[in-house]
N, C-alpha and C. Protein backbone atom coordinates (compact mmCIF):
# COMPACT_ATOMS: atom_id res chain seq x y z
N MET A 1 0.87 -1.26 0.22
CA MET A 1 -0.07 0.11 -0.04
C MET A 1 0.96 1.17 0.09
N LYS A 2 1.92 1.20 0.62
CA LYS A 2 3.10 2.31 0.61
C LYS A 2 3.52 2.69 -0.76
N THR A 3 3.76 1.58 -1.62
CA THR A 3 4.32 1.85 -2.73
C THR A 3 3.10 2.41 -3.61
N LEU A 4 1.73 2.00 -3.62
CA LEU A 4 0.90 2.67 -4.33
C LEU A 4 0.67 3.86 -3.62
N TYR A 5 0.68 4.46 -2.78
CA TYR A 5 0.49 5.79 -2.18
C TYR A 5 1.66 6.55 -2.82
N CYS A 6 3.02 6.38 -2.78
CA CYS A 6 4.13 6.87 -3.31
C CYS A 6 3.89 7.04 -4.97
N ILE A 7 3.60 5.97 -5.58
CA ILE A 7 3.06 6.13 -7.07
C ILE A 7 2.10 7.14 -7.17
N CYS A 8 1.21 7.28 -6.47
CA CYS A 8 -0.04 8.09 -6.63
C CYS A 8 0.36 9.52 -6.47
N SER A 9 1.20 9.70 -5.40
CA SER A 9 1.53 11.04 -5.03
C SER A 9 2.66 11.59 -6.04
N LEU A 10 3.60 10.62 -6.39
CA LEU A 10 4.34 11.11 -7.67
C LEU A 10 3.79 11.31 -8.70
N ALA A 11 2.86 10.81 -9.19
CA ALA A 11 1.95 10.93 -10.49
C ALA A 11 1.30 12.18 -10.16
N SER A 12 0.51 12.47 -9.20
CA SER A 12 0.16 13.73 -8.92
C SER A 12 0.69 14.92 -8.91
N ALA A 13 1.87 14.84 -8.16
CA ALA A 13 2.81 16.27 -8.46
C ALA A 13 3.24 16.16 -9.48
N CYS A 14 3.57 15.26 -10.40
CA CYS A 14 4.15 15.68 -11.86
C CYS A 14 2.69 15.96 -12.80
N LEU A 15 1.54 15.51 -12.75
CA LEU A 15 0.67 16.03 -13.18
C LEU A 15 0.06 17.68 -13.02
N PHE A 16 -0.01 17.78 -11.37
CA PHE A 16 -0.39 19.18 -11.05
C PHE A 16 0.89 20.21 -11.61
N GLY A 17 2.22 19.74 -11.54
CA GLY A 17 3.30 20.49 -11.46
C GLY A 17 3.50 20.83 -13.12
N LEU A 18 3.23 19.76 -14.13
CA LEU A 18 3.51 19.64 -15.26
C LEU A 18 2.34 20.79 -16.32
N ALA A 19 0.81 20.52 -15.53
CA ALA A 19 0.03 20.82 -16.33
C ALA A 19 -0.03 22.33 -16.69
N PRO A 20 0.20 23.46 -15.76
CA PRO A 20 0.43 24.76 -16.56
C PRO A 20 1.52 24.89 -17.63
N GLY A 21 2.67 24.26 -17.22
CA GLY A 21 3.48 24.25 -18.36
C GLY A 21 3.17 23.80 -19.52
N VAL A 22 2.49 22.66 -19.34
CA VAL A 22 2.32 21.98 -20.88
C VAL A 22 1.17 22.93 -21.38
N ALA A 23 0.13 23.30 -20.70
CA ALA A 23 -0.61 24.21 -21.15
C ALA A 23 -0.41 25.58 -21.91
N GLY A 24 0.72 26.07 -21.31
CA GLY A 24 1.57 27.20 -21.86
C GLY A 24 2.29 26.61 -22.88
N ALA A 25 2.97 25.70 -23.05
CA ALA A 25 3.79 25.25 -24.15
C ALA A 25 2.91 24.71 -25.04
N ALA A 26 1.82 24.37 -25.05
CA ALA A 26 0.87 23.86 -26.10
C ALA A 26 0.47 25.13 -26.87
N THR A 27 0.35 26.53 -26.22
CA THR A 27 0.15 27.59 -27.00
C THR A 27 1.28 28.31 -27.46
N ALA A 28 2.65 28.58 -26.71
CA ALA A 28 3.55 28.89 -26.90
C ALA A 28 4.62 28.34 -27.95
N GLU A 29 4.61 27.03 -27.77
CA GLU A 29 5.28 26.10 -28.84
C GLU A 29 4.54 25.39 -29.88
N ALA A 30 3.26 25.90 -30.23
CA ALA A 30 2.71 25.10 -31.10
C ALA A 30 3.23 25.20 -32.48
N PRO A 31 3.05 24.23 -33.39
CA PRO A 31 3.87 24.57 -34.95
C PRO A 31 3.00 25.64 -35.50
N LYS A 32 3.91 26.72 -36.02
CA LYS A 32 3.53 27.71 -36.82
C LYS A 32 3.50 27.23 -38.31
N VAL A 33 2.96 26.31 -38.96
CA VAL A 33 3.34 25.89 -40.32
C VAL A 33 3.53 26.88 -41.23
N ALA A 34 2.05 27.66 -41.38
CA ALA A 34 2.14 28.83 -42.39
C ALA A 34 3.17 29.82 -42.10
N GLU A 35 3.48 30.23 -40.92
CA GLU A 35 4.50 31.25 -40.58
C GLU A 35 6.08 30.97 -41.13
N THR A 36 6.57 29.64 -40.75
CA THR A 36 7.98 28.97 -40.56
C THR A 36 7.97 27.89 -41.52
N GLY A 37 6.88 27.12 -41.98
CA GLY A 37 7.18 26.24 -42.72
C GLY A 37 7.51 24.94 -42.25
N ASN A 38 8.04 24.85 -40.84
CA ASN A 38 8.49 23.79 -39.70
C ASN A 38 7.17 23.35 -39.50
N THR A 39 7.05 21.91 -39.70
CA THR A 39 6.00 21.14 -38.92
C THR A 39 6.18 20.70 -37.52
N TYR A 40 7.20 20.21 -37.16
CA TYR A 40 7.55 19.78 -35.53
C TYR A 40 8.92 19.71 -35.48
N LYS A 41 9.56 20.18 -34.27
CA LYS A 41 10.97 19.98 -34.01
C LYS A 41 10.92 18.72 -33.25
N PRO A 42 11.60 18.03 -33.58
CA PRO A 42 11.86 16.61 -32.58
C PRO A 42 12.36 16.92 -31.71
N GLN A 43 12.31 15.97 -30.62
CA GLN A 43 12.31 15.73 -29.13
C GLN A 43 13.28 14.89 -28.76
N PHE A 44 14.40 15.04 -27.90
CA PHE A 44 14.94 13.77 -27.27
C PHE A 44 14.77 13.99 -25.64
N TRP A 45 14.30 12.68 -25.27
CA TRP A 45 14.13 12.63 -23.69
C TRP A 45 15.16 11.55 -23.21
N VAL A 46 15.66 11.59 -21.94
CA VAL A 46 16.07 10.57 -21.58
C VAL A 46 15.09 10.06 -20.51
N ASN A 47 14.70 8.67 -20.29
CA ASN A 47 13.94 8.13 -19.47
C ASN A 47 14.60 7.45 -18.35
N LEU A 48 13.97 7.80 -17.31
CA LEU A 48 14.75 7.06 -16.06
C LEU A 48 14.44 6.00 -15.07
N GLY A 49 13.36 5.26 -16.00
CA GLY A 49 12.80 4.37 -15.00
C GLY A 49 11.89 4.90 -14.36
N GLY A 50 11.14 3.83 -13.63
CA GLY A 50 9.77 4.54 -12.67
C GLY A 50 9.62 3.51 -11.34
N PHE A 51 8.18 3.30 -11.32
CA PHE A 51 7.52 2.29 -10.56
C PHE A 51 6.47 1.66 -10.92
N SER A 52 6.04 0.71 -10.37
CA SER A 52 4.98 -0.19 -10.83
C SER A 52 4.43 -0.70 -9.80
N ARG A 53 3.15 -1.08 -9.77
CA ARG A 53 2.03 -1.32 -8.94
C ARG A 53 1.33 -2.46 -9.41
N HIS A 54 1.60 -3.75 -8.99
CA HIS A 54 0.97 -4.76 -9.44
C HIS A 54 -0.56 -5.19 -8.92
N PHE A 55 -1.18 -5.76 -9.64
CA PHE A 55 -2.92 -5.81 -9.40
C PHE A 55 -2.77 -6.99 -8.19
N SER A 56 -1.90 -8.02 -8.47
CA SER A 56 -1.41 -9.12 -7.57
C SER A 56 -0.19 -8.86 -6.53
N ASN A 57 -0.59 -8.05 -5.53
CA ASN A 57 0.67 -7.85 -4.55
C ASN A 57 1.03 -8.65 -3.79
N SER A 58 0.46 -9.72 -3.80
CA SER A 58 1.15 -10.78 -2.86
C SER A 58 2.37 -11.41 -3.26
N LYS A 59 2.74 -11.07 -4.54
CA LYS A 59 3.75 -12.41 -4.98
C LYS A 59 5.25 -11.61 -4.75
N GLY A 60 5.62 -10.85 -4.26
CA GLY A 60 6.76 -10.11 -3.99
C GLY A 60 7.65 -9.42 -4.94
N TYR A 61 6.48 -9.02 -5.90
CA TYR A 61 7.19 -8.36 -7.34
C TYR A 61 8.14 -7.03 -6.79
N ASN A 62 9.35 -6.69 -7.58
CA ASN A 62 9.69 -5.74 -7.35
C ASN A 62 9.20 -4.30 -8.01
N GLU A 63 8.97 -3.39 -7.28
CA GLU A 63 7.91 -2.17 -7.88
C GLU A 63 8.87 -0.85 -8.02
N ASN A 64 10.27 -1.07 -7.90
CA ASN A 64 11.00 0.20 -8.03
C ASN A 64 11.94 0.04 -9.10
N ASN A 65 11.31 0.21 -10.26
CA ASN A 65 11.91 -0.13 -11.49
C ASN A 65 12.79 0.82 -12.11
N LEU A 66 14.11 1.07 -11.66
CA LEU A 66 14.86 1.99 -11.90
C LEU A 66 15.60 1.34 -13.39
N GLY A 67 16.13 2.56 -14.24
CA GLY A 67 16.62 2.01 -15.33
C GLY A 67 16.95 3.34 -16.25
N LEU A 68 17.17 3.10 -17.45
CA LEU A 68 17.92 4.46 -18.47
C LEU A 68 17.51 3.85 -19.58
N GLY A 69 16.88 5.07 -20.15
CA GLY A 69 16.67 4.54 -21.85
C GLY A 69 16.47 6.31 -22.79
N LEU A 70 16.41 6.15 -23.66
CA LEU A 70 16.26 7.24 -24.82
C LEU A 70 14.83 7.15 -25.64
N GLU A 71 14.31 8.50 -25.75
CA GLU A 71 12.99 8.43 -26.47
C GLU A 71 13.17 9.83 -27.39
N TYR A 72 13.03 9.36 -28.70
CA TYR A 72 13.02 10.15 -30.00
C TYR A 72 11.58 10.60 -30.33
N ARG A 73 11.08 11.60 -30.18
CA ARG A 73 9.63 12.25 -30.47
C ARG A 73 10.18 12.79 -31.80
N THR A 74 9.30 12.21 -32.78
CA THR A 74 9.60 12.92 -34.29
C THR A 74 8.19 13.67 -34.38
N SER A 75 7.01 13.54 -33.92
CA SER A 75 5.77 14.29 -34.02
C SER A 75 5.11 14.17 -32.66
N PRO A 76 4.01 14.85 -32.69
CA PRO A 76 3.04 14.84 -31.49
C PRO A 76 2.43 13.28 -31.36
N GLU A 77 2.48 12.72 -32.26
CA GLU A 77 2.06 11.30 -32.26
C GLU A 77 2.74 10.25 -32.49
N ILE A 78 4.09 10.20 -32.66
CA ILE A 78 4.95 8.95 -32.64
C ILE A 78 6.32 9.47 -31.79
N ALA A 79 6.73 8.62 -31.13
CA ALA A 79 8.25 8.52 -30.53
C ALA A 79 8.72 7.26 -30.38
N TYR A 80 9.92 7.08 -30.72
CA TYR A 80 10.76 6.10 -30.72
C TYR A 80 11.40 5.71 -29.21
N MET A 81 11.48 4.44 -28.59
CA MET A 81 11.97 4.27 -27.46
C MET A 81 12.97 3.02 -27.27
N ALA A 82 13.80 3.39 -26.48
CA ALA A 82 14.83 2.18 -26.40
C ALA A 82 15.74 2.23 -24.97
N GLY A 83 15.79 1.34 -24.37
CA GLY A 83 16.33 1.36 -22.86
C GLY A 83 16.66 0.10 -22.47
N ALA A 84 16.74 0.28 -20.89
CA ALA A 84 16.72 -0.88 -20.28
C ALA A 84 16.40 -0.66 -18.67
N TYR A 85 15.91 -1.27 -18.00
CA TYR A 85 15.68 -1.07 -16.59
C TYR A 85 15.39 -2.70 -15.74
N TYR A 86 15.38 -2.27 -14.40
CA TYR A 86 15.18 -3.38 -13.52
C TYR A 86 14.00 -4.21 -13.47
N ASN A 87 13.47 -5.15 -14.01
CA ASN A 87 11.88 -5.36 -13.89
C ASN A 87 11.32 -5.83 -12.65
N SER A 88 10.22 -6.35 -12.58
CA SER A 88 9.22 -6.64 -11.44
C SER A 88 9.95 -8.05 -10.80
N VAL A 89 10.67 -8.88 -11.91
CA VAL A 89 11.25 -10.22 -11.28
C VAL A 89 12.46 -9.86 -11.14
N TYR A 90 13.27 -8.74 -11.08
CA TYR A 90 14.39 -8.65 -10.12
C TYR A 90 15.18 -9.11 -11.35
N LYS A 91 15.25 -8.83 -12.94
CA LYS A 91 15.79 -9.13 -13.92
C LYS A 91 16.16 -7.80 -14.43
N THR A 92 17.16 -7.89 -15.44
CA THR A 92 17.34 -6.45 -16.26
C THR A 92 16.21 -6.77 -17.79
N THR A 93 15.84 -5.99 -17.92
CA THR A 93 15.10 -5.93 -19.19
C THR A 93 15.15 -4.63 -20.27
N SER A 94 15.74 -5.09 -21.47
CA SER A 94 15.97 -4.48 -22.51
C SER A 94 14.61 -4.18 -23.47
N TYR A 95 14.66 -2.90 -23.86
CA TYR A 95 13.35 -2.88 -25.15
C TYR A 95 13.69 -1.62 -25.84
N ALA A 96 12.76 -1.86 -27.08
CA ALA A 96 12.71 -1.11 -28.21
C ALA A 96 11.29 -1.01 -28.59
N ALA A 97 10.81 0.11 -28.64
CA ALA A 97 9.43 0.43 -28.80
C ALA A 97 9.25 1.55 -29.72
N VAL A 98 7.89 1.48 -30.61
CA VAL A 98 7.42 2.71 -31.15
C VAL A 98 6.28 3.20 -30.08
N ASN A 99 6.07 4.71 -29.78
CA ASN A 99 5.05 4.66 -28.94
C ASN A 99 4.11 5.81 -29.95
N TRP A 100 2.87 5.21 -30.31
CA TRP A 100 1.93 5.95 -31.22
C TRP A 100 0.75 6.63 -30.11
N GLN A 101 0.51 7.58 -30.50
CA GLN A 101 -0.31 8.43 -29.58
C GLN A 101 -1.28 9.27 -30.50
N PRO A 102 -2.11 8.93 -30.84
CA PRO A 102 -3.11 9.37 -31.97
C PRO A 102 -3.82 10.48 -31.33
N TRP A 103 -4.49 10.20 -30.13
CA TRP A 103 -5.47 11.29 -29.37
C TRP A 103 -4.80 11.81 -28.36
N GLN A 104 -5.43 13.12 -28.19
CA GLN A 104 -4.91 13.93 -26.91
C GLN A 104 -6.29 14.59 -26.21
N LEU A 105 -6.20 14.49 -25.04
CA LEU A 105 -7.07 14.87 -24.23
C LEU A 105 -6.31 16.00 -23.00
N GLY A 106 -6.68 17.50 -23.50
CA GLY A 106 -6.07 18.28 -22.66
C GLY A 106 -4.43 18.34 -23.13
N PRO A 107 -3.66 18.18 -21.86
CA PRO A 107 -2.33 18.06 -22.17
C PRO A 107 -1.52 16.16 -22.01
N VAL A 108 -2.58 15.35 -22.10
CA VAL A 108 -2.55 14.03 -22.00
C VAL A 108 -2.56 13.58 -23.48
N LYS A 109 -1.60 12.90 -23.96
CA LYS A 109 -1.24 12.03 -25.15
C LYS A 109 -1.90 10.71 -24.81
N LEU A 110 -2.74 9.91 -25.69
CA LEU A 110 -3.14 8.76 -25.37
C LEU A 110 -2.79 7.70 -26.60
N GLY A 111 -2.34 6.85 -26.38
CA GLY A 111 -2.33 5.48 -27.19
C GLY A 111 -1.63 4.47 -27.03
N ALA A 112 -0.51 3.97 -27.74
CA ALA A 112 -0.02 2.54 -27.12
C ALA A 112 1.63 2.61 -27.49
N ALA A 113 2.28 1.89 -26.95
CA ALA A 113 3.82 1.55 -27.26
C ALA A 113 3.67 0.16 -27.79
N LEU A 114 4.28 -0.12 -28.86
CA LEU A 114 4.34 -1.46 -29.22
C LEU A 114 5.94 -1.85 -29.67
N GLY A 115 6.30 -3.15 -29.18
CA GLY A 115 7.74 -3.07 -29.15
C GLY A 115 8.24 -4.73 -29.02
N VAL A 116 9.59 -4.74 -28.87
CA VAL A 116 10.11 -5.99 -28.15
C VAL A 116 10.86 -5.69 -27.01
N MET A 117 10.96 -6.76 -26.24
CA MET A 117 11.49 -6.50 -24.90
C MET A 117 11.76 -8.04 -24.52
N ASN A 118 12.57 -8.17 -23.27
CA ASN A 118 13.08 -9.26 -22.81
C ASN A 118 13.31 -9.29 -21.28
N GLY A 119 13.82 -10.30 -20.73
CA GLY A 119 14.18 -10.38 -19.19
C GLY A 119 13.11 -10.82 -18.42
N TYR A 120 12.13 -11.55 -18.64
CA TYR A 120 11.11 -12.22 -18.00
C TYR A 120 10.93 -13.38 -18.35
N PRO A 121 11.53 -14.39 -17.02
CA PRO A 121 11.82 -15.95 -17.37
C PRO A 121 10.57 -16.66 -17.79
N SER A 122 9.33 -16.14 -17.36
CA SER A 122 8.15 -16.80 -17.51
C SER A 122 7.79 -16.56 -19.26
N LEU A 123 8.33 -15.47 -19.71
CA LEU A 123 7.96 -15.21 -21.24
C LEU A 123 8.98 -15.43 -22.15
N ALA A 124 8.70 -16.53 -22.99
CA ALA A 124 10.15 -16.92 -23.80
C ALA A 124 11.08 -17.35 -23.24
N ASN A 125 11.13 -17.92 -22.37
CA ASN A 125 12.20 -18.39 -21.22
C ASN A 125 13.19 -17.02 -20.99
N GLY A 126 12.95 -15.94 -20.64
CA GLY A 126 13.80 -14.66 -20.74
C GLY A 126 14.20 -14.13 -21.82
N GLY A 127 13.66 -14.55 -23.03
CA GLY A 127 14.20 -14.22 -24.31
C GLY A 127 13.22 -12.99 -24.93
N SER A 128 13.41 -12.47 -26.12
CA SER A 128 12.70 -11.41 -26.50
C SER A 128 11.47 -11.91 -27.15
N PHE A 129 10.27 -11.13 -26.85
CA PHE A 129 9.04 -11.03 -27.23
C PHE A 129 8.42 -9.80 -27.43
N PHE A 130 7.33 -9.91 -28.10
CA PHE A 130 6.54 -8.69 -28.77
C PHE A 130 5.79 -8.22 -27.36
N ALA A 131 5.63 -6.91 -27.49
CA ALA A 131 4.51 -6.64 -26.49
C ALA A 131 3.80 -5.44 -26.92
N ALA A 132 2.71 -4.89 -26.33
CA ALA A 132 2.00 -3.51 -26.55
C ALA A 132 1.54 -3.26 -25.34
N LEU A 133 1.49 -1.99 -25.21
CA LEU A 133 1.09 -1.47 -23.95
C LEU A 133 0.26 -0.01 -23.96
N PRO A 134 -0.92 0.04 -23.49
CA PRO A 134 -1.64 1.22 -23.39
C PRO A 134 -0.88 2.16 -22.68
N LEU A 135 -0.69 3.55 -23.37
CA LEU A 135 0.50 4.41 -22.80
C LEU A 135 -0.20 5.88 -22.71
N ALA A 136 -0.31 6.74 -21.83
CA ALA A 136 -0.73 7.86 -21.62
C ALA A 136 0.46 8.83 -21.44
N THR A 137 0.89 9.83 -21.80
CA THR A 137 2.15 10.61 -21.83
C THR A 137 1.87 12.17 -21.44
N ILE A 138 2.43 12.75 -20.55
CA ILE A 138 2.41 14.49 -20.23
C ILE A 138 3.67 14.92 -20.22
N GLU A 139 3.83 15.78 -21.05
CA GLU A 139 5.41 16.29 -21.36
C GLU A 139 5.08 17.71 -20.80
N GLY A 140 6.10 18.24 -20.17
CA GLY A 140 5.95 19.89 -20.10
C GLY A 140 7.32 20.20 -21.01
N ARG A 141 7.85 21.20 -20.65
CA ARG A 141 8.80 21.72 -21.31
C ARG A 141 10.31 21.06 -21.10
N HIS A 142 10.41 20.63 -19.76
CA HIS A 142 11.58 19.87 -19.29
C HIS A 142 11.38 18.34 -18.78
N PHE A 143 10.17 18.29 -18.15
CA PHE A 143 9.90 17.05 -17.43
C PHE A 143 8.54 16.45 -18.16
N GLY A 144 8.62 15.05 -17.99
CA GLY A 144 7.42 14.21 -18.66
C GLY A 144 7.43 13.06 -17.75
N ILE A 145 6.16 12.14 -18.08
CA ILE A 145 5.95 10.75 -17.54
C ILE A 145 5.20 10.19 -18.67
N ASN A 146 5.32 9.00 -18.53
CA ASN A 146 4.72 8.14 -19.21
C ASN A 146 3.88 6.94 -18.33
N LEU A 147 2.64 7.09 -18.39
CA LEU A 147 1.76 6.34 -17.46
C LEU A 147 0.85 5.13 -18.18
N GLY A 148 1.42 3.80 -17.79
CA GLY A 148 0.74 2.64 -19.03
C GLY A 148 0.20 1.73 -18.06
N VAL A 149 -0.64 0.94 -18.52
CA VAL A 149 -1.29 -0.28 -18.01
C VAL A 149 -1.12 -1.68 -18.46
N ILE A 150 -0.29 -2.41 -17.93
CA ILE A 150 0.02 -3.89 -18.31
C ILE A 150 -1.47 -4.53 -17.87
N PRO A 151 -1.87 -5.21 -19.05
CA PRO A 151 -3.11 -5.97 -18.65
C PRO A 151 -2.59 -7.29 -18.16
N SER A 152 -3.44 -7.97 -16.88
CA SER A 152 -3.13 -9.32 -16.71
C SER A 152 -3.84 -10.42 -17.67
N MET A 153 -2.95 -11.19 -18.16
CA MET A 153 -3.10 -12.11 -19.10
C MET A 153 -2.33 -13.63 -19.18
N GLY A 154 -2.80 -14.73 -19.18
CA GLY A 154 -1.61 -15.71 -19.19
C GLY A 154 -0.85 -15.95 -18.25
N LYS A 155 0.60 -15.82 -18.29
CA LYS A 155 1.59 -15.90 -17.27
C LYS A 155 1.88 -14.29 -16.76
N VAL A 156 1.11 -13.50 -17.24
CA VAL A 156 1.43 -12.07 -16.84
C VAL A 156 0.33 -11.35 -15.83
N ASP A 157 1.10 -11.21 -14.86
CA ASP A 157 0.28 -10.40 -13.96
C ASP A 157 0.52 -8.85 -13.99
N GLY A 158 -0.86 -8.36 -14.34
CA GLY A 158 -0.88 -6.81 -14.61
C GLY A 158 -0.63 -5.69 -13.72
N ALA A 159 -0.16 -4.68 -13.93
CA ALA A 159 0.41 -3.85 -13.04
C ALA A 159 0.30 -2.10 -13.83
N VAL A 160 0.19 -1.41 -13.07
CA VAL A 160 0.01 0.26 -13.74
C VAL A 160 1.60 0.64 -13.68
N ILE A 161 2.21 1.36 -14.45
CA ILE A 161 3.48 1.80 -14.30
C ILE A 161 3.34 3.23 -14.53
N ILE A 162 4.59 3.82 -14.29
CA ILE A 162 4.68 5.22 -14.37
C ILE A 162 6.67 5.38 -14.60
N GLN A 163 6.49 6.36 -15.66
CA GLN A 163 8.06 6.27 -15.96
C GLN A 163 8.36 7.55 -16.07
N PHE A 164 9.39 8.11 -15.69
CA PHE A 164 9.94 9.62 -15.37
C PHE A 164 10.96 9.76 -16.72
N LYS A 165 10.78 11.10 -17.15
CA LYS A 165 11.99 11.60 -18.25
C LYS A 165 12.18 12.77 -18.16
N LEU A 166 13.43 13.15 -18.84
CA LEU A 166 13.63 14.53 -18.98
C LEU A 166 13.88 14.83 -20.19
N ARG A 167 13.58 15.86 -20.52
CA ARG A 167 13.97 16.41 -22.09
C ARG A 167 15.05 17.05 -22.21
N LEU A 168 16.01 16.89 -23.25
CA LEU A 168 17.53 17.08 -23.46
C LEU A 168 17.60 18.22 -24.37
N ASN A 169 16.47 18.61 -25.48
CA ASN A 169 16.61 19.59 -25.94
C ASN A 169 15.30 20.48 -26.08
């Protein structure tokens, strides 16, 4: 319960702290195609890992998932992600994904990340497998969060995850 409280507190702090900056950034940094001819300036982010909260919390999962990754956002709808983190079963996971977010609700981008990952012994014997993850993103000028839901299915115990990121440019 303490972990869930920490995750919710951090997510709330990020949401409330980022929302004014995101709203301002949306109006101040919106692409001006007619004036400049530029459609979008790509963004580079560093992902720092984050936290997870599993729906089945009696199995001793690691919910402090520190890691390091890069995210390259080529448009408001598409970002490419790659990195590694210490997963919920105490192993290192490497991942590469495309984050497609065609919908936006206020400052929140909505969509899914589709990619390849590894490091889970109960899936593909710890080898690589394809994964899809519903993902919401909030990005300010310098800080952002990715919030995802891993559905429970088969050998997978679902979880809510939060990933923190810093903008590099």
